[in-house]
N, C-alpha and C. Protein backbone atom coordinates (compact mmCIF):
# COMPACT_ATOMS: atom_id res chain seq x y z
N MET A 1 256.53 179.08 61.88
CA MET A 1 255.94 180.29 62.60
C MET A 1 255.17 180.07 63.43
N SER A 2 253.43 179.59 62.91
CA SER A 2 252.55 179.44 63.60
C SER A 2 252.55 178.89 65.20
N ILE A 3 253.32 177.90 64.55
CA ILE A 3 253.31 177.16 65.86
C ILE A 3 254.27 177.50 67.01
N ILE A 4 255.39 178.24 66.77
CA ILE A 4 256.26 179.02 67.50
C ILE A 4 254.96 180.15 68.16
N LYS A 5 254.68 180.56 67.41
CA LYS A 5 254.12 182.13 68.01
C LYS A 5 252.59 181.48 68.91
N ARG A 6 252.04 180.95 68.53
CA ARG A 6 251.25 180.19 69.22
C ARG A 6 251.69 179.82 71.05
N LEU A 7 253.00 178.81 70.53
CA LEU A 7 253.48 178.68 71.71
C LEU A 7 254.27 179.58 72.63
N PHE A 8 254.64 180.77 72.00
CA PHE A 8 255.06 182.01 72.75
C PHE A 8 253.98 182.53 73.27
N ASP A 9 252.42 182.53 73.01
CA ASP A 9 251.35 183.61 73.29
C ASP A 9 251.14 183.01 74.37
N ILE A 10 251.20 181.31 74.61
CA ILE A 10 250.55 180.29 75.29
C ILE A 10 251.28 180.82 76.73
N ILE A 11 252.91 180.69 76.38
CA ILE A 11 253.72 180.89 77.52
C ILE A 11 253.70 182.23 77.87
N ILE A 12 253.71 183.17 77.51
CA ILE A 12 253.83 184.47 77.77
C ILE A 12 252.38 185.29 78.22
N SER A 13 251.46 184.88 77.81
CA SER A 13 250.13 184.85 78.27
C SER A 13 249.70 184.51 80.29
N PHE A 14 250.47 183.21 80.58
CA PHE A 14 250.64 182.20 81.45
C PHE A 14 251.08 183.18 82.42
N ILE A 15 252.28 183.32 82.17
CA ILE A 15 253.25 184.25 82.83
C ILE A 15 252.75 185.64 83.35
N LEU A 16 252.10 186.27 82.19
CA LEU A 16 251.86 187.59 82.89
C LEU A 16 250.21 187.79 83.78
N VAL A 17 249.36 186.41 83.16
CA VAL A 17 248.15 186.52 83.84
C VAL A 17 249.09 186.58 85.24
N LEU A 18 249.86 185.43 85.61
CA LEU A 18 250.15 185.13 87.58
C LEU A 18 251.23 186.28 87.42
N ALA A 19 252.25 186.86 86.84
CA ALA A 19 252.22 188.44 87.39
C ALA A 19 252.04 189.46 88.21
N LEU A 20 250.54 189.38 86.77
CA LEU A 20 249.78 190.67 87.14
C LEU A 20 248.37 190.45 87.84
N SER A 21 248.36 188.97 88.26
CA SER A 21 247.06 188.45 88.82
C SER A 21 246.40 189.54 90.02
N VAL A 22 247.49 190.35 90.86
CA VAL A 22 247.25 191.09 92.12
C VAL A 22 246.46 192.31 91.20
N ILE A 23 246.88 192.70 90.43
CA ILE A 23 246.38 193.83 89.54
C ILE A 23 245.35 193.86 89.07
N LEU A 24 244.63 192.25 88.08
CA LEU A 24 243.57 191.79 87.94
C LEU A 24 242.62 191.93 88.63
N ILE A 25 242.88 191.37 89.99
CA ILE A 25 242.11 191.39 91.36
C ILE A 25 241.58 192.67 91.69
N ILE A 26 242.46 193.65 92.12
CA ILE A 26 242.17 194.96 91.67
C ILE A 26 241.44 195.48 91.40
N THR A 27 241.74 195.57 90.16
CA THR A 27 241.18 196.19 89.08
C THR A 27 239.88 195.65 88.97
N ALA A 28 239.72 194.44 89.16
CA ALA A 28 237.94 193.91 89.07
C ALA A 28 237.07 194.21 90.52
N LEU A 29 238.05 194.44 91.57
CA LEU A 29 237.15 195.04 92.78
C LEU A 29 236.93 196.16 92.32
N VAL A 30 237.90 197.34 91.84
CA VAL A 30 237.37 198.51 91.87
C VAL A 30 236.56 198.81 90.82
N VAL A 31 236.31 198.12 89.83
CA VAL A 31 235.04 197.99 88.54
C VAL A 31 233.73 197.31 89.50
N ARG A 32 234.10 196.51 90.20
CA ARG A 32 232.81 196.12 90.51
C ARG A 32 232.65 197.08 92.18
N ASN A 33 233.50 197.91 92.22
CA ASN A 33 232.31 198.86 93.31
C ASN A 33 232.13 200.17 92.67
N LYS A 34 232.58 200.61 91.84
CA LYS A 34 232.56 201.76 91.33
C LYS A 34 231.57 201.67 89.72
N LEU A 35 231.37 200.51 89.56
CA LEU A 35 230.60 200.52 88.39
C LEU A 35 229.39 199.40 88.32
N GLY A 36 229.70 198.48 89.54
CA GLY A 36 228.56 197.52 89.79
C GLY A 36 228.90 196.10 88.69
N SER A 37 228.16 195.30 88.49
CA SER A 37 228.21 194.68 87.73
C SER A 37 227.51 194.69 86.25
N PRO A 38 227.75 193.93 84.94
CA PRO A 38 229.51 192.89 85.13
C PRO A 38 230.58 193.66 85.19
N ILE A 39 231.62 192.70 85.37
CA ILE A 39 232.82 193.54 85.56
C ILE A 39 233.36 193.25 84.19
N ILE A 40 233.13 192.51 83.53
CA ILE A 40 233.99 192.15 82.28
C ILE A 40 232.69 192.79 81.42
N PHE A 41 233.42 193.59 80.51
CA PHE A 41 232.55 193.94 79.12
C PHE A 41 233.13 192.86 77.72
N LYS A 42 232.19 192.19 77.27
CA LYS A 42 232.44 191.15 75.98
C LYS A 42 231.44 192.10 75.20
N GLN A 43 231.94 191.92 73.86
CA GLN A 43 231.74 192.60 72.92
C GLN A 43 232.15 191.29 71.54
N LYS A 44 231.40 190.98 70.75
CA LYS A 44 231.56 190.58 69.04
C LYS A 44 232.51 190.96 68.54
N ARG A 45 233.63 190.20 68.37
CA ARG A 45 234.65 190.82 67.25
C ARG A 45 234.98 189.57 65.67
N PRO A 46 235.46 189.71 65.26
CA PRO A 46 235.79 188.58 64.13
C PRO A 46 237.45 188.60 64.43
N GLY A 47 237.75 187.21 64.48
CA GLY A 47 239.32 186.91 64.54
C GLY A 47 239.42 186.51 63.51
N LYS A 48 240.58 185.39 63.54
CA LYS A 48 240.73 184.77 62.12
C LYS A 48 239.97 184.27 61.02
N ASN A 49 240.08 184.76 59.82
CA ASN A 49 238.97 184.52 58.52
C ASN A 49 237.65 185.13 58.66
N GLY A 50 237.64 185.72 59.91
CA GLY A 50 236.48 186.39 60.11
C GLY A 50 235.73 185.87 61.13
N LYS A 51 235.97 184.69 61.83
CA LYS A 51 235.45 183.97 62.85
C LYS A 51 234.85 184.47 63.80
N PRO A 52 233.81 184.86 64.34
CA PRO A 52 233.62 185.94 65.30
C PRO A 52 233.92 184.64 67.02
N PHE A 53 233.99 185.56 67.63
CA PHE A 53 234.63 185.46 69.01
C PHE A 53 234.35 186.83 69.82
N TYR A 54 233.91 186.40 71.15
CA TYR A 54 233.74 187.53 72.50
C TYR A 54 234.85 187.77 72.70
N VAL A 55 235.34 188.96 72.29
CA VAL A 55 236.68 190.03 73.33
C VAL A 55 236.43 190.59 74.71
N TYR A 56 237.13 190.40 75.44
CA TYR A 56 237.22 190.43 77.22
C TYR A 56 237.84 192.18 77.12
N LYS A 57 237.36 192.99 77.94
CA LYS A 57 237.70 194.03 78.66
C LYS A 57 237.02 194.36 80.21
N PHE A 58 237.91 194.86 80.76
CA PHE A 58 237.53 195.33 82.58
C PHE A 58 236.04 196.50 81.91
N ARG A 59 235.27 196.38 82.24
CA ARG A 59 234.12 197.53 81.93
C ARG A 59 234.56 198.61 82.59
N THR A 60 234.34 199.91 81.42
CA THR A 60 235.03 201.26 82.24
C THR A 60 233.83 202.33 82.02
N MET A 61 232.61 201.82 81.60
CA MET A 61 231.90 202.78 80.92
C MET A 61 230.35 202.60 81.76
N THR A 62 229.44 203.38 81.94
CA THR A 62 228.26 203.03 83.04
C THR A 62 227.05 202.45 81.76
N ASP A 63 226.04 202.15 82.22
CA ASP A 63 224.72 201.98 81.26
C ASP A 63 223.88 203.09 81.24
N GLU A 64 224.06 204.29 81.30
CA GLU A 64 223.07 205.14 81.50
C GLU A 64 222.57 205.32 79.85
N LYS A 65 221.11 205.72 80.01
CA LYS A 65 220.54 205.75 79.16
C LYS A 65 219.37 206.91 79.10
N ASP A 66 218.94 207.24 77.82
CA ASP A 66 218.20 208.51 77.96
C ASP A 66 216.84 208.49 77.84
N GLN A 67 216.51 209.44 78.17
CA GLN A 67 214.55 209.08 78.19
C GLN A 67 213.98 208.27 77.28
N HIS A 68 214.66 207.92 75.83
CA HIS A 68 214.37 207.43 75.17
C HIS A 68 214.47 205.59 75.61
N GLY A 69 215.34 205.35 76.65
CA GLY A 69 216.17 204.00 76.86
C GLY A 69 217.33 203.78 75.75
N GLN A 70 218.28 204.97 75.20
CA GLN A 70 218.94 204.45 74.28
C GLN A 70 220.52 204.66 74.97
N LEU A 71 221.47 203.95 74.98
CA LEU A 71 222.30 204.43 75.79
C LEU A 71 223.33 205.76 75.51
N LEU A 72 223.36 206.60 76.48
CA LEU A 72 224.20 207.63 76.19
C LEU A 72 225.87 207.39 75.55
N PRO A 73 226.08 208.46 74.70
CA PRO A 73 226.96 208.57 73.96
C PRO A 73 228.70 208.13 75.02
N ASP A 74 229.43 207.62 74.62
CA ASP A 74 230.38 206.75 75.18
C ASP A 74 230.90 208.10 76.15
N ASN A 75 231.14 208.95 75.44
CA ASN A 75 231.90 210.18 76.50
C ASN A 75 231.34 210.33 77.84
N LYS A 76 230.09 210.29 77.81
CA LYS A 76 228.80 210.61 78.77
C LYS A 76 229.10 209.67 79.96
N ARG A 77 229.20 208.46 79.26
CA ARG A 77 229.38 207.05 80.16
C ARG A 77 230.61 206.85 80.85
N LEU A 78 231.78 207.23 80.28
CA LEU A 78 232.76 207.14 80.69
C LEU A 78 233.03 207.37 81.90
N THR A 79 233.25 206.72 82.84
CA THR A 79 233.76 207.57 84.08
C THR A 79 234.91 207.70 84.85
N LYS A 80 235.18 208.87 85.49
CA LYS A 80 236.58 208.97 86.09
C LYS A 80 237.53 207.97 85.88
N VAL A 81 237.48 206.57 87.25
CA VAL A 81 237.58 205.84 87.30
C VAL A 81 237.99 204.97 85.52
N GLY A 82 236.97 204.97 84.92
CA GLY A 82 237.38 204.40 83.65
C GLY A 82 238.24 204.68 82.78
N ARG A 83 238.33 206.16 83.05
CA ARG A 83 239.62 206.77 82.20
C ARG A 83 240.92 206.67 82.75
N VAL A 84 240.85 206.44 84.03
CA VAL A 84 242.43 205.92 84.81
C VAL A 84 242.24 204.53 84.01
N ILE A 85 241.67 203.77 84.25
CA ILE A 85 242.02 202.45 83.92
C ILE A 85 242.27 202.34 82.42
N ARG A 86 241.85 203.23 81.32
CA ARG A 86 241.94 203.36 79.98
C ARG A 86 243.40 203.80 79.68
N LYS A 87 243.23 204.62 80.42
CA LYS A 87 245.04 205.57 80.34
C LYS A 87 246.25 204.29 80.78
N LEU A 88 246.04 203.59 81.76
CA LEU A 88 247.03 202.57 82.45
C LEU A 88 246.93 201.41 81.23
N SER A 89 245.93 201.44 80.92
CA SER A 89 245.88 200.11 79.28
C SER A 89 244.85 198.77 80.81
N LEU A 90 244.44 199.07 81.97
CA LEU A 90 244.17 198.28 82.54
C LEU A 90 243.16 197.26 81.78
N ASP A 91 242.16 198.19 81.65
CA ASP A 91 241.16 197.99 80.58
C ASP A 91 241.31 196.51 79.51
N GLU A 92 242.58 196.31 79.28
CA GLU A 92 243.07 195.71 78.40
C GLU A 92 243.47 194.38 78.87
N LEU A 93 243.75 194.21 80.08
CA LEU A 93 244.10 192.96 80.25
C LEU A 93 243.49 191.46 80.57
N PRO A 94 242.44 191.69 80.85
CA PRO A 94 241.58 190.21 80.43
C PRO A 94 241.50 189.60 79.03
N GLN A 95 241.96 190.20 77.83
CA GLN A 95 242.76 189.86 77.12
C GLN A 95 243.43 188.72 76.63
N LEU A 96 244.50 188.83 77.86
CA LEU A 96 245.17 187.70 77.80
C LEU A 96 244.50 186.46 78.13
N PHE A 97 243.13 186.38 78.59
CA PHE A 97 242.55 185.18 78.62
C PHE A 97 242.21 184.85 77.51
N ASN A 98 241.97 185.94 76.01
CA ASN A 98 241.65 185.55 74.99
C ASN A 98 242.82 185.07 74.51
N VAL A 99 243.96 185.07 74.63
CA VAL A 99 245.25 184.64 74.10
C VAL A 99 245.45 183.02 74.30
N LEU A 100 244.78 182.53 75.77
CA LEU A 100 245.20 181.62 76.24
C LEU A 100 244.23 180.72 75.38
N LYS A 101 243.13 180.94 75.57
CA LYS A 101 241.69 180.45 74.63
C LYS A 101 242.18 180.18 73.24
N GLY A 102 243.39 180.87 72.44
CA GLY A 102 243.16 181.20 71.53
C GLY A 102 242.17 182.03 70.17
N ASP A 103 241.52 182.70 70.97
CA ASP A 103 240.83 183.49 70.10
C ASP A 103 241.79 184.83 69.37
N LEU A 104 242.91 185.29 70.48
CA LEU A 104 243.52 186.07 69.92
C LEU A 104 245.35 186.13 70.16
N SER A 105 246.05 186.78 69.34
CA SER A 105 247.26 186.49 69.64
C SER A 105 247.97 187.72 70.55
N LEU A 106 248.96 187.84 71.29
CA LEU A 106 249.74 188.79 71.74
C LEU A 106 249.72 190.09 70.51
N VAL A 107 250.37 189.61 69.11
CA VAL A 107 250.60 190.37 68.48
C VAL A 107 249.34 189.74 66.99
N GLY A 108 248.82 191.25 66.67
CA GLY A 108 248.64 190.91 65.25
C GLY A 108 247.43 192.06 64.80
N PRO A 109 246.95 192.15 63.65
CA PRO A 109 245.92 193.14 63.44
C PRO A 109 244.64 193.30 64.93
N ARG A 110 244.60 194.53 65.38
CA ARG A 110 243.25 194.44 66.20
C ARG A 110 242.35 194.08 65.55
N PRO A 111 241.30 193.34 66.33
CA PRO A 111 239.93 192.89 66.22
C PRO A 111 239.12 194.15 66.49
N LEU A 112 238.18 194.40 64.68
CA LEU A 112 237.64 195.58 64.64
C LEU A 112 235.85 195.13 65.08
N LEU A 113 235.11 195.93 64.30
CA LEU A 113 233.55 195.39 64.54
C LEU A 113 233.02 194.73 63.51
N MET A 114 232.40 193.90 63.90
CA MET A 114 231.28 192.65 62.79
C MET A 114 231.33 193.52 61.98
N GLU A 115 230.16 194.64 62.08
CA GLU A 115 229.63 195.31 61.09
C GLU A 115 230.51 195.59 59.95
N TYR A 116 232.15 195.94 60.23
CA TYR A 116 233.21 196.18 59.34
C TYR A 116 233.40 195.04 58.08
N LEU A 117 233.18 194.03 58.64
CA LEU A 117 233.55 193.18 57.53
C LEU A 117 233.07 192.92 55.98
N PRO A 118 231.92 193.62 56.15
CA PRO A 118 231.65 193.76 54.19
C PRO A 118 232.02 195.23 53.63
N LEU A 119 232.51 195.80 54.38
CA LEU A 119 232.89 197.26 54.24
C LEU A 119 234.23 197.25 53.54
N TYR A 120 235.23 196.15 54.01
CA TYR A 120 236.53 195.98 53.51
C TYR A 120 236.70 195.94 51.74
N SER A 121 237.47 196.48 51.29
CA SER A 121 238.50 196.12 50.24
C SER A 121 238.74 194.99 50.27
N GLN A 122 239.24 194.18 49.20
CA GLN A 122 239.95 192.67 49.02
C GLN A 122 240.98 192.89 49.78
N GLU A 123 241.56 193.85 49.27
CA GLU A 123 243.06 194.12 50.09
C GLU A 123 242.99 194.02 52.08
N GLN A 124 242.41 195.27 52.44
CA GLN A 124 241.97 195.05 53.53
C GLN A 124 241.68 193.92 54.25
N ALA A 125 240.82 193.22 53.65
CA ALA A 125 239.82 191.99 54.18
C ALA A 125 241.26 190.96 54.60
N ARG A 126 242.33 191.54 53.78
CA ARG A 126 243.57 190.18 54.28
C ARG A 126 243.80 190.46 55.64
N ARG A 127 243.54 191.82 56.28
CA ARG A 127 244.07 191.47 57.82
C ARG A 127 243.44 190.46 58.51
N HIS A 128 242.58 189.72 57.88
CA HIS A 128 241.94 188.70 59.05
C HIS A 128 242.51 187.14 58.12
N GLU A 129 243.59 187.13 57.79
CA GLU A 129 244.19 185.74 57.40
C GLU A 129 245.07 184.95 58.52
N VAL A 130 245.10 186.02 59.38
CA VAL A 130 245.98 185.86 60.38
C VAL A 130 245.25 185.76 62.19
N ARG A 131 245.55 185.84 62.95
CA ARG A 131 244.79 185.81 64.42
C ARG A 131 245.18 186.95 64.52
N PRO A 132 243.78 187.83 65.11
CA PRO A 132 244.11 189.24 65.57
C PRO A 132 244.63 189.32 66.95
N GLY A 133 245.48 190.72 67.32
CA GLY A 133 245.82 190.65 68.85
C GLY A 133 245.41 191.64 69.25
N ILE A 134 246.33 191.49 70.73
CA ILE A 134 246.09 192.41 71.50
C ILE A 134 246.62 194.03 71.35
N THR A 135 247.79 193.52 70.36
CA THR A 135 248.71 194.76 70.01
C THR A 135 249.02 194.56 68.32
N GLY A 136 249.50 195.34 68.04
CA GLY A 136 250.08 195.23 66.74
C GLY A 136 250.68 196.07 65.87
N TRP A 137 251.01 196.38 64.50
CA TRP A 137 252.08 197.26 63.92
C TRP A 137 251.14 198.48 63.91
N ALA A 138 250.17 198.60 63.56
CA ALA A 138 249.39 199.47 62.98
C ALA A 138 249.22 200.50 64.84
N GLN A 139 248.93 199.86 65.72
CA GLN A 139 248.61 200.27 67.30
C GLN A 139 250.04 201.27 67.53
N VAL A 140 251.64 200.67 67.15
CA VAL A 140 252.50 201.03 67.53
C VAL A 140 252.97 202.29 66.48
N ASN A 141 252.59 202.61 65.42
CA ASN A 141 252.47 203.53 64.27
C ASN A 141 251.41 204.28 64.34
N GLY A 142 250.63 204.75 65.41
CA GLY A 142 249.82 205.86 65.47
C GLY A 142 248.56 205.67 65.80
N ARG A 143 248.27 204.60 65.97
CA ARG A 143 247.08 204.24 66.35
C ARG A 143 245.74 205.16 65.82
N ASN A 144 245.06 205.88 66.87
CA ASN A 144 243.98 206.91 66.38
C ASN A 144 244.49 207.77 65.74
N ALA A 145 245.51 207.81 65.61
CA ALA A 145 245.94 209.68 64.86
C ALA A 145 246.17 209.32 63.31
N ILE A 146 245.95 208.10 62.88
CA ILE A 146 246.15 207.87 61.33
C ILE A 146 245.06 207.14 60.59
N SER A 147 244.66 207.49 59.86
CA SER A 147 243.09 207.18 58.68
C SER A 147 243.21 205.75 58.83
N TRP A 148 242.09 205.40 58.76
CA TRP A 148 241.66 203.87 58.64
C TRP A 148 242.32 203.02 57.40
N GLU A 149 242.62 204.20 56.70
CA GLU A 149 243.47 203.57 54.80
C GLU A 149 244.67 202.95 55.68
N GLU A 150 245.08 204.13 56.30
CA GLU A 150 246.68 203.91 56.74
C GLU A 150 246.97 202.62 57.70
N LYS A 151 245.79 202.84 58.91
CA LYS A 151 245.94 201.84 59.97
C LYS A 151 245.97 200.01 58.90
N PHE A 152 244.55 199.98 57.78
CA PHE A 152 244.70 199.01 57.43
C PHE A 152 245.94 198.94 56.50
N LYS A 153 246.66 199.36 55.96
CA LYS A 153 247.56 198.79 55.33
C LYS A 153 248.99 198.86 55.94
N LEU A 154 249.07 198.96 57.26
CA LEU A 154 249.86 198.68 58.28
C LEU A 154 249.79 197.13 58.63
N ASP A 155 248.45 196.86 58.77
CA ASP A 155 247.90 195.38 59.27
C ASP A 155 248.30 194.39 58.35
N VAL A 156 247.95 194.91 56.69
CA VAL A 156 248.42 194.12 55.94
C VAL A 156 250.10 193.55 56.14
N TRP A 157 250.48 195.15 55.83
CA TRP A 157 252.17 194.99 55.78
C TRP A 157 252.38 194.20 57.17
N TYR A 158 251.98 193.83 58.15
CA TYR A 158 251.88 192.97 59.25
C TYR A 158 252.06 191.41 58.83
N VAL A 159 250.67 191.30 58.15
CA VAL A 159 250.34 189.96 57.65
C VAL A 159 251.21 189.57 56.52
N ASP A 160 252.09 190.52 55.69
CA ASP A 160 253.12 189.95 54.49
C ASP A 160 254.59 189.70 55.32
N ASN A 161 254.78 190.37 56.29
CA ASN A 161 256.15 190.66 56.93
C ASN A 161 256.22 189.91 58.04
N ARG A 162 254.99 189.58 58.81
CA ARG A 162 255.23 189.03 60.22
C ARG A 162 256.35 187.84 60.42
N SER A 163 256.76 188.04 61.39
CA SER A 163 258.03 187.06 61.88
C SER A 163 257.80 187.08 63.69
N PHE A 164 258.52 186.57 64.26
CA PHE A 164 258.87 185.97 65.59
C PHE A 164 259.56 187.35 66.40
N TRP A 165 260.69 187.66 65.24
CA TRP A 165 261.27 188.97 65.93
C TRP A 165 260.65 190.43 65.61
N LEU A 166 259.80 190.38 64.49
CA LEU A 166 258.99 191.50 64.65
C LEU A 166 257.83 191.76 65.79
N ASP A 167 257.20 190.67 65.87
CA ASP A 167 256.35 190.55 67.21
C ASP A 167 257.08 190.85 68.45
N ILE A 168 258.20 190.86 68.60
CA ILE A 168 259.36 191.06 69.83
C ILE A 168 259.09 192.77 69.65
N LYS A 169 259.46 192.94 68.68
CA LYS A 169 259.74 194.60 68.47
C LYS A 169 258.04 194.82 68.99
N ILE A 170 257.24 194.63 68.33
CA ILE A 170 256.10 195.36 68.47
C ILE A 170 255.53 195.33 69.64
N LEU A 171 255.66 194.07 70.83
CA LEU A 171 255.66 193.86 72.07
C LEU A 171 256.55 195.17 72.74
N PHE A 172 257.70 195.31 72.76
CA PHE A 172 258.79 196.24 73.45
C PHE A 172 258.16 197.54 73.08
N LEU A 173 257.77 198.30 71.55
CA LEU A 173 257.64 199.21 71.57
C LEU A 173 256.07 199.46 72.66
N THR A 174 255.16 198.45 72.08
CA THR A 174 254.23 198.93 73.12
C THR A 174 254.23 199.06 74.55
N ALA A 175 254.82 198.16 75.33
CA ALA A 175 255.41 198.34 76.77
C ALA A 175 256.02 199.97 76.52
N LEU A 176 256.98 200.15 76.14
CA LEU A 176 257.31 201.83 76.00
C LEU A 176 256.09 203.02 75.71
N LYS A 177 255.13 202.55 74.64
CA LYS A 177 254.03 203.42 75.13
C LYS A 177 252.99 203.40 75.85
N VAL A 178 252.85 201.80 76.70
CA VAL A 178 251.92 202.14 77.40
C VAL A 178 252.57 202.82 78.68
N LEU A 179 254.33 202.21 79.33
CA LEU A 179 254.87 203.25 80.21
C LEU A 179 254.65 204.63 80.39
N LYS A 180 254.90 205.36 79.21
CA LYS A 180 254.57 206.39 78.69
C LYS A 180 253.06 207.34 78.38
N SER A 181 252.39 206.33 78.44
CA SER A 181 250.67 206.76 78.42
C SER A 181 250.83 207.63 76.74
N GLU A 182 251.35 206.94 76.15
CA GLU A 182 251.35 207.49 74.47
C GLU A 182 250.59 206.64 73.41
N GLY A 183 249.23 207.13 73.04
CA GLY A 183 248.80 206.73 72.33
C GLY A 183 248.53 204.95 72.34
N VAL A 184 248.40 204.31 73.28
CA VAL A 184 248.15 203.09 73.30
C VAL A 184 246.35 203.03 73.32
N ASN A 185 246.01 203.80 74.55
CA ASN A 185 244.48 203.48 74.69
C ASN A 185 243.98 205.15 75.10
N GLN A 186 243.91 205.72 74.16
CA GLN A 186 243.39 207.38 74.22
C GLN A 186 242.13 207.44 73.15
N ASP A 187 241.34 206.80 73.07
CA ASP A 187 239.81 206.43 72.54
C ASP A 187 239.49 207.89 72.92
N GLU A 188 239.33 208.07 74.08
CA GLU A 188 238.59 209.56 75.02
C GLU A 188 239.13 210.29 74.61
N GLN A 189 240.88 210.76 74.12
CA GLN A 189 241.32 211.83 74.04
C GLN A 189 241.42 212.13 72.83
N THR A 190 241.38 211.09 71.63
CA THR A 190 241.78 211.03 70.34
C THR A 190 240.55 210.04 69.75
N PRO A 191 239.35 210.52 69.62
CA PRO A 191 238.04 209.50 69.04
C PRO A 191 238.53 209.17 67.78
N MET A 192 238.45 207.96 67.43
CA MET A 192 238.66 207.27 66.08
C MET A 192 237.38 207.31 65.55
N LYS A 193 237.20 207.52 63.98
CA LYS A 193 236.28 207.60 63.10
C LYS A 193 235.51 206.28 62.96
N LYS A 194 234.50 205.94 62.85
CA LYS A 194 233.80 204.71 62.48
C LYS A 194 233.83 204.51 60.96
N PHE A 195 234.61 203.37 60.70
CA PHE A 195 234.88 202.69 59.39
C PHE A 195 233.59 202.62 58.56
N GLU A 196 233.73 203.42 57.37
CA GLU A 196 231.94 202.70 56.93
C GLU A 196 232.31 202.49 55.06
N GLY A 197 233.39 202.32 54.99
CA GLY A 197 234.09 202.30 53.74
C GLY A 197 234.01 203.48 52.81
N ASN A 198 234.60 203.03 51.43
CA ASN A 198 234.80 204.26 50.39
C ASN A 198 234.92 206.04 51.31
N ASN A 199 235.88 205.95 52.15
CA ASN A 199 236.54 207.63 52.57
C ASN A 199 234.95 208.14 53.41
N CYS A 200 233.92 207.02 53.89
CA CYS A 200 232.52 207.92 54.76
C CYS A 200 232.65 207.58 56.02
N GLU A 201 232.93 208.66 56.91
CA GLU A 201 233.16 207.62 58.30
C GLU A 201 232.75 209.07 59.16
N LYS A 202 232.32 208.50 60.44
CA LYS A 202 231.60 208.77 61.32
C LYS A 202 232.61 209.13 62.93
N VAL A 203 232.05 209.58 63.45
CA VAL A 203 233.13 209.78 64.96
C VAL A 203 232.51 208.33 66.00
N SER A 204 233.38 207.69 66.49
CA SER A 204 232.99 206.48 66.81
C SER A 204 234.07 206.19 68.11
N SER A 205 234.12 205.47 69.46
CA SER A 205 235.23 205.15 69.42
C SER A 205 235.47 203.20 69.66
N ASN A 206 236.00 202.68 69.04
CA ASN A 206 236.56 201.17 68.87
C ASN A 206 237.89 200.73 68.95
N GLY A 207 238.42 199.61 68.99
CA GLY A 207 239.24 199.18 68.69
C GLY A 207 240.33 199.85 69.73
């Protein structure tokens, strides 16, 4: 399964990069023109077995800071162009290069924040037994509309039940949601609460 999955990831990602090359270039030019440099937003995330890597996304926010030099809240820095890019899920396209590098799979539990690693229960930490993905079982079953506990249960369910055909099903459902602009990338409309363990949560937008 792992060899087949990796070959599938490489072939499909390579095809998508070629097929979407014009969209990638246009999006990069728009980001450069409207938001400046850098075009790509990089953030350290935990990969398989918690090994850190840098996930790539098209930048959608400014670097505006308050009088104390602290970055303004996400909703203050998210531009109109950024909202459109997120709504169309174009910000996720650079992650195809993460897939080619082997950091990500097309399908798997979404890589969250490094700071969450020590907060997981033993069962929740099992989401890191596989390579994280651009999309996953939790993303097509509610994403930010469900609780962290439900999301982690879906992630672990995927780990225990993963198969080639399940991946195909998830990719198909993801494509439908993107076409419908339905819940795949709506952090600004439905902000996810920051996971702090033991049901202690506060508002943040990530993942």
